[in-house]
Amino acid sequence: MPAPRRLLTAASAVAILTTGVTAANAAAATIAVPLSCVVATDSFSDPVLPIVGSGFTPGSFVSLSTATKSKPTPSFLTSVQADGAGNIRTAARRAQFNSSKTFDQSFSLIASQSGTPVAATTFRQVVGGFTYKLRSGGSPRQRIRYTARGWAPGKSVYIHFRFKGRTKKTVKLGTASSPCGVVSRRMRALPLSSLRIGTYKLYVDQSSSYSRNTSPQAREGIRVFTVFR
């Protein structure tokens, strides 16, 4: 079962062409996402996507939309009014992934005035936390892939396996890659020498030892039970 789901900001000629922004418009207005990677949360309302821009008509309203390579039709994100100097600054809700099973995706961000695209850029967005998938009815010793996303790049990521309030084992997933803090490892679902009936709690963070006070920290559980066949 999947666990609950808990940018690069360079405009290019390709991005401009695919989003319909002309070279003349792009020269007048610019837009950017000032993060190396956007880390999304479970909530669509959380403002996790910062956007800045310049060169817009002073006092005008700028419509912001997103699109992906496989879904090029722009999807409205938000609108913002340019200030007296033609600049914009806002924090929007996360972009909508193509699917509920998507955890890591690149987007085009398109700025339009009066229905006409005038600037574009790209950014990458990931779902923060970790994911895994268990085969239904399978053994807790089945080999699965744990993937963590949105952690501090360059630092190790760990899973702490706990049972009835005690840490049974801590496993290092690896080092979070740049820019989105992604690391993945294939191993046993519960890599423990002995197992008991009950719920094992999994805590993922960047501390080599477990503490309930560690932040950020993602949590999930795997239930072990007896099957009679």
C-alpha atoms as a PDB file:
ATOM      1  CA  MET A   1       0.000   0.000   0.000  1.00  0.00           C
ATOM      2  CA  PRO A   2       1.355   3.443  -0.801  1.00  0.00           C
ATOM      3  CA  ALA A   3       2.283   5.640   2.109  1.00  0.00           C
ATOM      4  CA  PRO A   4       0.278   8.885   2.553  1.00  0.00           C
ATOM      5  CA  ARG A   5       1.923  11.653   0.729  1.00  0.00           C
ATOM      6  CA  ARG A   6       2.649  13.673   3.236  1.00  0.00           C
ATOM      7  CA  LEU A   7      13.386  24.629  -9.537  1.00  0.00           C
ATOM      8  CA  LEU A   8      15.085  25.308 -11.595  1.00  0.00           C
ATOM      9  CA  THR A   9      14.315  28.879 -12.557  1.00  0.00           C
ATOM     10  CA  ALA A  10      15.920  29.434 -15.940  1.00  0.00           C
ATOM     11  CA  ALA A  11      13.731  30.464 -18.834  1.00  0.00           C
ATOM     12  CA  SER A  12      14.795  28.971 -22.138  1.00  0.00           C
ATOM     13  CA  ALA A  13      13.968  29.378 -25.791  1.00  0.00           C
ATOM     14  CA  VAL A  14      12.336  25.934 -25.730  1.00  0.00           C
ATOM     15  CA  ALA A  15      10.134  26.853 -22.769  1.00  0.00           C
ATOM     16  CA  ILE A  16       9.146  30.108 -24.426  1.00  0.00           C
ATOM     17  CA  LEU A  17       8.260  28.445 -27.686  1.00  0.00           C
ATOM     18  CA  THR A  18       6.276  25.596 -26.145  1.00  0.00           C
ATOM     19  CA  THR A  19       4.216  27.958 -23.997  1.00  0.00           C
ATOM     20  CA  GLY A  20       3.529  30.397 -26.807  1.00  0.00           C
ATOM     21  CA  VAL A  21       5.491  33.341 -25.383  1.00  0.00           C
ATOM     22  CA  THR A  22       7.023  35.450 -28.101  1.00  0.00           C
ATOM     23  CA  ALA A  23      10.595  36.692 -27.974  1.00  0.00           C
ATOM     24  CA  ALA A  24       9.388  40.296 -27.853  1.00  0.00           C
ATOM     25  CA  ASN A  25       7.139  39.668 -24.860  1.00  0.00           C
ATOM     26  CA  ALA A  26       9.789  37.626 -23.062  1.00  0.00           C
ATOM     27  CA  ALA A  27      12.247  40.501 -23.389  1.00  0.00           C
ATOM     28  CA  ALA A  28       9.761  42.874 -21.704  1.00  0.00           C
ATOM     29  CA  ALA A  29       8.639  40.674 -18.801  1.00  0.00           C
ATOM     30  CA  THR A  30      10.434  38.014 -16.772  1.00  0.00           C
ATOM     31  CA  ILE A  31       9.252  35.541 -14.180  1.00  0.00           C
ATOM     32  CA  ALA A  32      11.081  33.188 -11.808  1.00  0.00           C
ATOM     33  CA  VAL A  33      10.637  30.712  -8.976  1.00  0.00           C
ATOM     34  CA  PRO A  34      13.469  31.599  -6.540  1.00  0.00           C
ATOM     35  CA  LEU A  35      13.940  28.064  -5.223  1.00  0.00           C
ATOM     36  CA  SER A  36      16.188  25.275  -6.466  1.00  0.00           C
ATOM     37  CA  CYS A  37      13.279  22.887  -5.835  1.00  0.00           C
ATOM     38  CA  VAL A  38       9.693  23.268  -4.629  1.00  0.00           C
ATOM     39  CA  VAL A  39       8.803  20.844  -1.830  1.00  0.00           C
ATOM     40  CA  ALA A  40       5.047  20.284  -1.762  1.00  0.00           C
ATOM     41  CA  THR A  41       2.887  19.220   1.174  1.00  0.00           C
ATOM     42  CA  ASP A  42      -0.359  17.271   1.426  1.00  0.00           C
ATOM     43  CA  SER A  43      -2.394  20.455   1.516  1.00  0.00           C
ATOM     44  CA  PHE A  44      -3.238  22.202  -1.749  1.00  0.00           C
ATOM     45  CA  SER A  45      -3.770  25.446   0.164  1.00  0.00           C
ATOM     46  CA  ASP A  46      -0.281  25.693   1.643  1.00  0.00           C
ATOM     47  CA  PRO A  47       1.623  28.534  -0.129  1.00  0.00           C
ATOM     48  CA  VAL A  48       4.808  26.645  -1.009  1.00  0.00           C
ATOM     49  CA  LEU A  49       5.487  28.125  -4.473  1.00  0.00           C
ATOM     50  CA  PRO A  50       7.164  31.565  -4.388  1.00  0.00           C
ATOM     51  CA  ILE A  51       6.973  33.575  -7.618  1.00  0.00           C
ATOM     52  CA  VAL A  52       8.669  36.843  -8.549  1.00  0.00           C
ATOM     53  CA  GLY A  53       8.658  38.812 -11.787  1.00  0.00           C
ATOM     54  CA  SER A  54       9.311  42.167 -13.396  1.00  0.00           C
ATOM     55  CA  GLY A  55       8.602  44.107 -16.578  1.00  0.00           C
ATOM     56  CA  PHE A  56       4.801  43.870 -16.400  1.00  0.00           C
ATOM     57  CA  THR A  57       2.382  46.724 -17.010  1.00  0.00           C
ATOM     58  CA  PRO A  58       2.235  48.709 -13.746  1.00  0.00           C
ATOM     59  CA  GLY A  59      -0.997  48.049 -11.854  1.00  0.00           C
ATOM     60  CA  SER A  60      -2.115  45.284 -14.210  1.00  0.00           C
ATOM     61  CA  PHE A  61      -3.270  41.841 -13.149  1.00  0.00           C
ATOM     62  CA  VAL A  62      -0.967  38.972 -14.115  1.00  0.00           C
ATOM     63  CA  SER A  63      -2.457  35.488 -14.502  1.00  0.00           C
ATOM     64  CA  LEU A  64      -0.170  32.598 -13.563  1.00  0.00           C
ATOM     65  CA  SER A  65      -0.658  29.098 -14.962  1.00  0.00           C
ATOM     66  CA  THR A  66       1.270  25.823 -15.047  1.00  0.00           C
ATOM     67  CA  ALA A  67       1.672  23.141 -17.698  1.00  0.00           C
ATOM     68  CA  THR A  68       3.633  19.932 -18.142  1.00  0.00           C
ATOM     69  CA  LYS A  69       5.111  18.200 -21.163  1.00  0.00           C
ATOM     70  CA  SER A  70       2.406  15.528 -21.207  1.00  0.00           C
ATOM     71  CA  LYS A  71      -0.384  18.009 -20.337  1.00  0.00           C
ATOM     72  CA  PRO A  72       0.538  21.192 -22.239  1.00  0.00           C
ATOM     73  CA  THR A  73      -2.821  22.931 -21.772  1.00  0.00           C
ATOM     74  CA  PRO A  74      -2.202  25.603 -19.097  1.00  0.00           C
ATOM     75  CA  SER A  75      -3.890  25.098 -15.732  1.00  0.00           C
ATOM     76  CA  PHE A  76      -4.710  28.289 -13.812  1.00  0.00           C
ATOM     77  CA  LEU A  77      -2.714  28.714 -10.615  1.00  0.00           C
ATOM     78  CA  THR A  78      -3.319  32.228  -9.282  1.00  0.00           C
ATOM     79  CA  SER A  79      -3.315  35.892 -10.246  1.00  0.00           C
ATOM     80  CA  VAL A  80      -1.429  38.835  -8.791  1.00  0.00           C
ATOM     81  CA  GLN A  81      -1.430  42.581  -9.369  1.00  0.00           C
ATOM     82  CA  ALA A  82       1.797  44.218 -10.517  1.00  0.00           C
ATOM     83  CA  ASP A  83       3.013  47.127  -8.409  1.00  0.00           C
ATOM     84  CA  GLY A  84       3.751  50.629  -9.657  1.00  0.00           C
ATOM     85  CA  ALA A  85       7.103  49.520 -11.025  1.00  0.00           C
ATOM     86  CA  GLY A  86       5.672  46.509 -12.873  1.00  0.00           C
ATOM     87  CA  ASN A  87       6.980  43.952 -10.401  1.00  0.00           C
ATOM     88  CA  ILE A  88       5.117  40.984  -8.924  1.00  0.00           C
ATOM     89  CA  ARG A  89       5.765  38.894  -5.832  1.00  0.00           C
ATOM     90  CA  THR A  90       3.482  36.178  -4.463  1.00  0.00           C
ATOM     91  CA  ALA A  91       3.357  32.739  -2.860  1.00  0.00           C
ATOM     92  CA  ALA A  92       0.993  30.299  -4.577  1.00  0.00           C
ATOM     93  CA  ARG A  93      -0.345  26.895  -3.715  1.00  0.00           C
ATOM     94  CA  ARG A  94       1.526  23.946  -5.169  1.00  0.00           C
ATOM     95  CA  ALA A  95       1.132  23.014  -8.803  1.00  0.00           C
ATOM     96  CA  GLN A  96      -1.143  20.049  -9.473  1.00  0.00           C
ATOM     97  CA  PHE A  97       0.696  16.858 -10.389  1.00  0.00           C
ATOM     98  CA  ASN A  98      -0.450  14.926 -13.452  1.00  0.00           C
ATOM     99  CA  SER A  99      -1.534  12.019 -11.251  1.00  0.00           C
ATOM    100  CA  SER A 100      -2.034  11.078  -7.614  1.00  0.00           C
ATOM    101  CA  LYS A 101       0.824   8.622  -8.148  1.00  0.00           C
ATOM    102  CA  THR A 102       3.234  11.365  -9.260  1.00  0.00           C
ATOM    103  CA  PHE A 103       5.719  12.530  -6.637  1.00  0.00           C
ATOM    104  CA  ASP A 104       8.353  14.352  -8.722  1.00  0.00           C
ATOM    105  CA  GLN A 105       7.605  16.489 -11.777  1.00  0.00           C
ATOM    106  CA  SER A 106       8.876  19.440 -13.833  1.00  0.00           C
ATOM    107  CA  PHE A 107       6.480  22.260 -14.728  1.00  0.00           C
ATOM    108  CA  SER A 108       6.313  25.280 -16.995  1.00  0.00           C
ATOM    109  CA  LEU A 109       5.151  28.453 -15.252  1.00  0.00           C
ATOM    110  CA  ILE A 110       3.398  30.885 -17.599  1.00  0.00           C
ATOM    111  CA  ALA A 111       2.577  34.535 -16.909  1.00  0.00           C
ATOM    112  CA  SER A 112      -0.191  36.124 -19.004  1.00  0.00           C
ATOM    113  CA  GLN A 113      -1.660  39.594 -19.337  1.00  0.00           C
ATOM    114  CA  SER A 114      -5.085  40.098 -20.950  1.00  0.00           C
ATOM    115  CA  GLY A 115      -5.048  36.427 -21.963  1.00  0.00           C
ATOM    116  CA  THR A 116      -1.691  36.678 -23.765  1.00  0.00           C
ATOM    117  CA  PRO A 117       1.393  34.791 -22.449  1.00  0.00           C
ATOM    118  CA  VAL A 118       4.213  37.271 -21.863  1.00  0.00           C
ATOM    119  CA  ALA A 119       6.787  35.348 -19.792  1.00  0.00           C
ATOM    120  CA  ALA A 120       7.646  31.777 -18.842  1.00  0.00           C
ATOM    121  CA  THR A 121      10.070  29.722 -16.803  1.00  0.00           C
ATOM    122  CA  THR A 122      10.357  26.163 -15.463  1.00  0.00           C
ATOM    123  CA  PHE A 123      10.543  24.628 -12.008  1.00  0.00           C
ATOM    124  CA  ARG A 124      10.680  21.193 -10.397  1.00  0.00           C
ATOM    125  CA  GLN A 125       8.338  20.094  -7.633  1.00  0.00           C
ATOM    126  CA  VAL A 126       8.444  17.049  -5.351  1.00  0.00           C
ATOM    127  CA  VAL A 127       6.222  15.695  -2.593  1.00  0.00           C
ATOM    128  CA  GLY A 128       8.069  15.971   0.693  1.00  0.00           C
ATOM    129  CA  GLY A 129       8.341  12.854   2.861  1.00  0.00           C
ATOM    130  CA  PHE A 130       8.797   9.242   1.773  1.00  0.00           C
ATOM    131  CA  THR A 131       6.909   6.625  -0.191  1.00  0.00           C
ATOM    132  CA  TYR A 132       6.908   2.850  -0.532  1.00  0.00           C
ATOM    133  CA  LYS A 133       4.587   0.157  -1.816  1.00  0.00           C
ATOM    134  CA  LEU A 134       3.862  -3.190  -0.178  1.00  0.00           C
ATOM    135  CA  ARG A 135       2.517  -6.147  -2.098  1.00  0.00           C
ATOM    136  CA  SER A 136      -0.922  -6.846  -0.634  1.00  0.00           C
ATOM    137  CA  GLY A 137      -0.848  -9.958   1.556  1.00  0.00           C
ATOM    138  CA  GLY A 138       2.893 -10.310   1.059  1.00  0.00           C
ATOM    139  CA  SER A 139       5.548 -11.066   3.619  1.00  0.00           C
ATOM    140  CA  PRO A 140       6.933  -8.202   5.735  1.00  0.00           C
ATOM    141  CA  ARG A 141      10.307  -9.457   4.513  1.00  0.00           C
ATOM    142  CA  GLN A 142       9.435  -8.731   0.873  1.00  0.00           C
ATOM    143  CA  ARG A 143      11.890  -6.443  -0.882  1.00  0.00           C
ATOM    144  CA  ILE A 144      10.481  -3.014  -1.651  1.00  0.00           C
ATOM    145  CA  ARG A 145      11.816   0.411  -2.630  1.00  0.00           C
ATOM    146  CA  TYR A 146      11.805   3.232  -0.120  1.00  0.00           C
ATOM    147  CA  THR A 147      12.113   6.692  -1.691  1.00  0.00           C
ATOM    148  CA  ALA A 148      12.513   9.912   0.281  1.00  0.00           C
ATOM    149  CA  ARG A 149      12.059  13.344  -1.298  1.00  0.00           C
ATOM    150  CA  GLY A 150      12.371  16.935  -0.200  1.00  0.00           C
ATOM    151  CA  TRP A 151      15.150  16.479   2.365  1.00  0.00           C
ATOM    152  CA  ALA A 152      18.233  18.678   2.816  1.00  0.00           C
ATOM    153  CA  PRO A 153      20.603  17.866  -0.099  1.00  0.00           C
ATOM    154  CA  GLY A 154      24.017  16.486   0.773  1.00  0.00           C
ATOM    155  CA  LYS A 155      22.892  15.019   4.106  1.00  0.00           C
ATOM    156  CA  SER A 156      22.098  11.408   4.998  1.00  0.00           C
ATOM    157  CA  VAL A 157      18.507  10.212   5.317  1.00  0.00           C
ATOM    158  CA  TYR A 158      17.561   7.476   7.815  1.00  0.00           C
ATOM    159  CA  ILE A 159      14.603   5.215   8.577  1.00  0.00           C
ATOM    160  CA  HIS A 160      14.064   4.345  12.235  1.00  0.00           C
ATOM    161  CA  PHE A 161      12.034   1.148  12.711  1.00  0.00           C
ATOM    162  CA  ARG A 162      10.251   1.187  16.073  1.00  0.00           C
ATOM    163  CA  PHE A 163       7.985  -1.289  17.841  1.00  0.00           C
ATOM    164  CA  LYS A 164       6.067  -0.697  21.070  1.00  0.00           C
ATOM    165  CA  GLY A 165       8.039   2.456  21.836  1.00  0.00           C
ATOM    166  CA  ARG A 166      11.496   1.032  21.156  1.00  0.00           C
ATOM    167  CA  THR A 167      13.836   1.532  18.227  1.00  0.00           C
ATOM    168  CA  LYS A 168      14.559  -1.885  16.726  1.00  0.00           C
ATOM    169  CA  LYS A 169      16.825  -0.734  13.919  1.00  0.00           C
ATOM    170  CA  THR A 170      17.983   2.397  12.095  1.00  0.00           C
ATOM    171  CA  VAL A 171      18.840   2.088   8.397  1.00  0.00           C
ATOM    172  CA  LYS A 172      20.583   4.696   6.280  1.00  0.00           C
ATOM    173  CA  LEU A 173      18.756   5.192   2.993  1.00  0.00           C
ATOM    174  CA  GLY A 174      21.646   7.173   1.505  1.00  0.00           C
ATOM    175  CA  THR A 175      22.581  10.773   0.823  1.00  0.00           C
ATOM    176  CA  ALA A 176      19.906  13.165  -0.413  1.00  0.00           C
ATOM    177  CA  SER A 177      20.750  14.390  -3.903  1.00  0.00           C
ATOM    178  CA  SER A 178      20.623  17.980  -5.125  1.00  0.00           C
ATOM    179  CA  PRO A 179      18.487  19.928  -5.793  1.00  0.00           C
ATOM    180  CA  CYS A 180      15.372  18.123  -4.511  1.00  0.00           C
ATOM    181  CA  GLY A 181      16.795  16.031  -1.682  1.00  0.00           C
ATOM    182  CA  VAL A 182      15.895  12.675  -3.222  1.00  0.00           C
ATOM    183  CA  VAL A 183      17.297   9.308  -2.134  1.00  0.00           C
ATOM    184  CA  SER A 184      16.088   5.774  -2.838  1.00  0.00           C
ATOM    185  CA  ARG A 185      16.992   2.297  -1.618  1.00  0.00           C
ATOM    186  CA  ARG A 186      15.607  -1.178  -2.245  1.00  0.00           C
ATOM    187  CA  MET A 187      15.560  -3.452   0.804  1.00  0.00           C
ATOM    188  CA  ARG A 188      13.280  -5.597   2.970  1.00  0.00           C
ATOM    189  CA  ALA A 189      10.099  -3.880   4.087  1.00  0.00           C
ATOM    190  CA  LEU A 190      11.039  -4.671   7.691  1.00  0.00           C
ATOM    191  CA  PRO A 191      14.793  -5.433   7.762  1.00  0.00           C
ATOM    192  CA  LEU A 192      14.736  -6.969  11.245  1.00  0.00           C
ATOM    193  CA  SER A 193      16.094 -10.319  12.439  1.00  0.00           C
ATOM    194  CA  SER A 194      12.846 -11.210  14.222  1.00  0.00           C
ATOM    195  CA  LEU A 195       9.280  -9.972  13.839  1.00  0.00           C
ATOM    196  CA  ARG A 196       6.225  -9.905  16.093  1.00  0.00           C
ATOM    197  CA  ILE A 197       2.535  -9.406  15.478  1.00  0.00           C
ATOM    198  CA  GLY A 198       1.614  -5.726  15.673  1.00  0.00           C
ATOM    199  CA  THR A 199       2.338  -2.358  14.064  1.00  0.00           C
ATOM    200  CA  TYR A 200       5.889  -1.246  13.365  1.00  0.00           C
ATOM    201  CA  LYS A 201       6.251   2.517  13.182  1.00  0.00           C
ATOM    202  CA  LEU A 202       8.623   3.998  10.610  1.00  0.00           C
ATOM    203  CA  TYR A 203      10.189   7.425  11.148  1.00  0.00           C
ATOM    204  CA  VAL A 204      12.219   9.061   8.370  1.00  0.00           C
ATOM    205  CA  ASP A 205      14.495  12.009   9.107  1.00  0.00           C
ATOM    206  CA  GLN A 206      18.100  13.143   8.814  1.00  0.00           C
ATOM    207  CA  SER A 207      19.271  12.176  12.284  1.00  0.00           C
ATOM    208  CA  SER A 208      21.277   8.987  12.835  1.00  0.00           C
ATOM    209  CA  SER A 209      19.400   8.353  16.086  1.00  0.00           C
ATOM    210  CA  TYR A 210      15.673   8.533  16.741  1.00  0.00           C
ATOM    211  CA  SER A 211      14.085  11.369  18.674  1.00  0.00           C
ATOM    212  CA  ARG A 212      10.434  12.355  18.742  1.00  0.00           C
ATOM    213  CA  ASN A 213      11.608  15.971  18.650  1.00  0.00           C
ATOM    214  CA  THR A 214      13.495  15.688  15.367  1.00  0.00           C
ATOM    215  CA  SER A 215      12.124  18.011  12.695  1.00  0.00           C
ATOM    216  CA  PRO A 216      11.362  17.571   9.890  1.00  0.00           C
ATOM    217  CA  GLN A 217      10.301  13.962  10.309  1.00  0.00           C
ATOM    218  CA  ALA A 218       7.940  11.776   8.249  1.00  0.00           C
ATOM    219  CA  ARG A 219       6.000   8.913   9.830  1.00  0.00           C
ATOM    220  CA  GLU A 220       4.161   5.811   8.677  1.00  0.00           C
ATOM    221  CA  GLY A 221       3.367   2.301   9.919  1.00  0.00           C
ATOM    222  CA  ILE A 222       3.500  -1.302   8.711  1.00  0.00           C
ATOM    223  CA  ARG A 223       1.177  -3.813  10.379  1.00  0.00           C
ATOM    224  CA  VAL A 224       2.302  -7.426  10.760  1.00  0.00           C
ATOM    225  CA  PHE A 225      -0.418 -10.052  11.170  1.00  0.00           C
ATOM    226  CA  THR A 226      -0.949 -13.759  10.750  1.00  0.00           C
ATOM    227  CA  VAL A 227      -2.611 -15.104   7.611  1.00  0.00           C
ATOM    228  CA  PHE A 228      -4.242 -18.552   7.685  1.00  0.00           C
ATOM    229  CA  ARG A 229      -4.290 -20.305   4.318  1.00  0.00           C
END
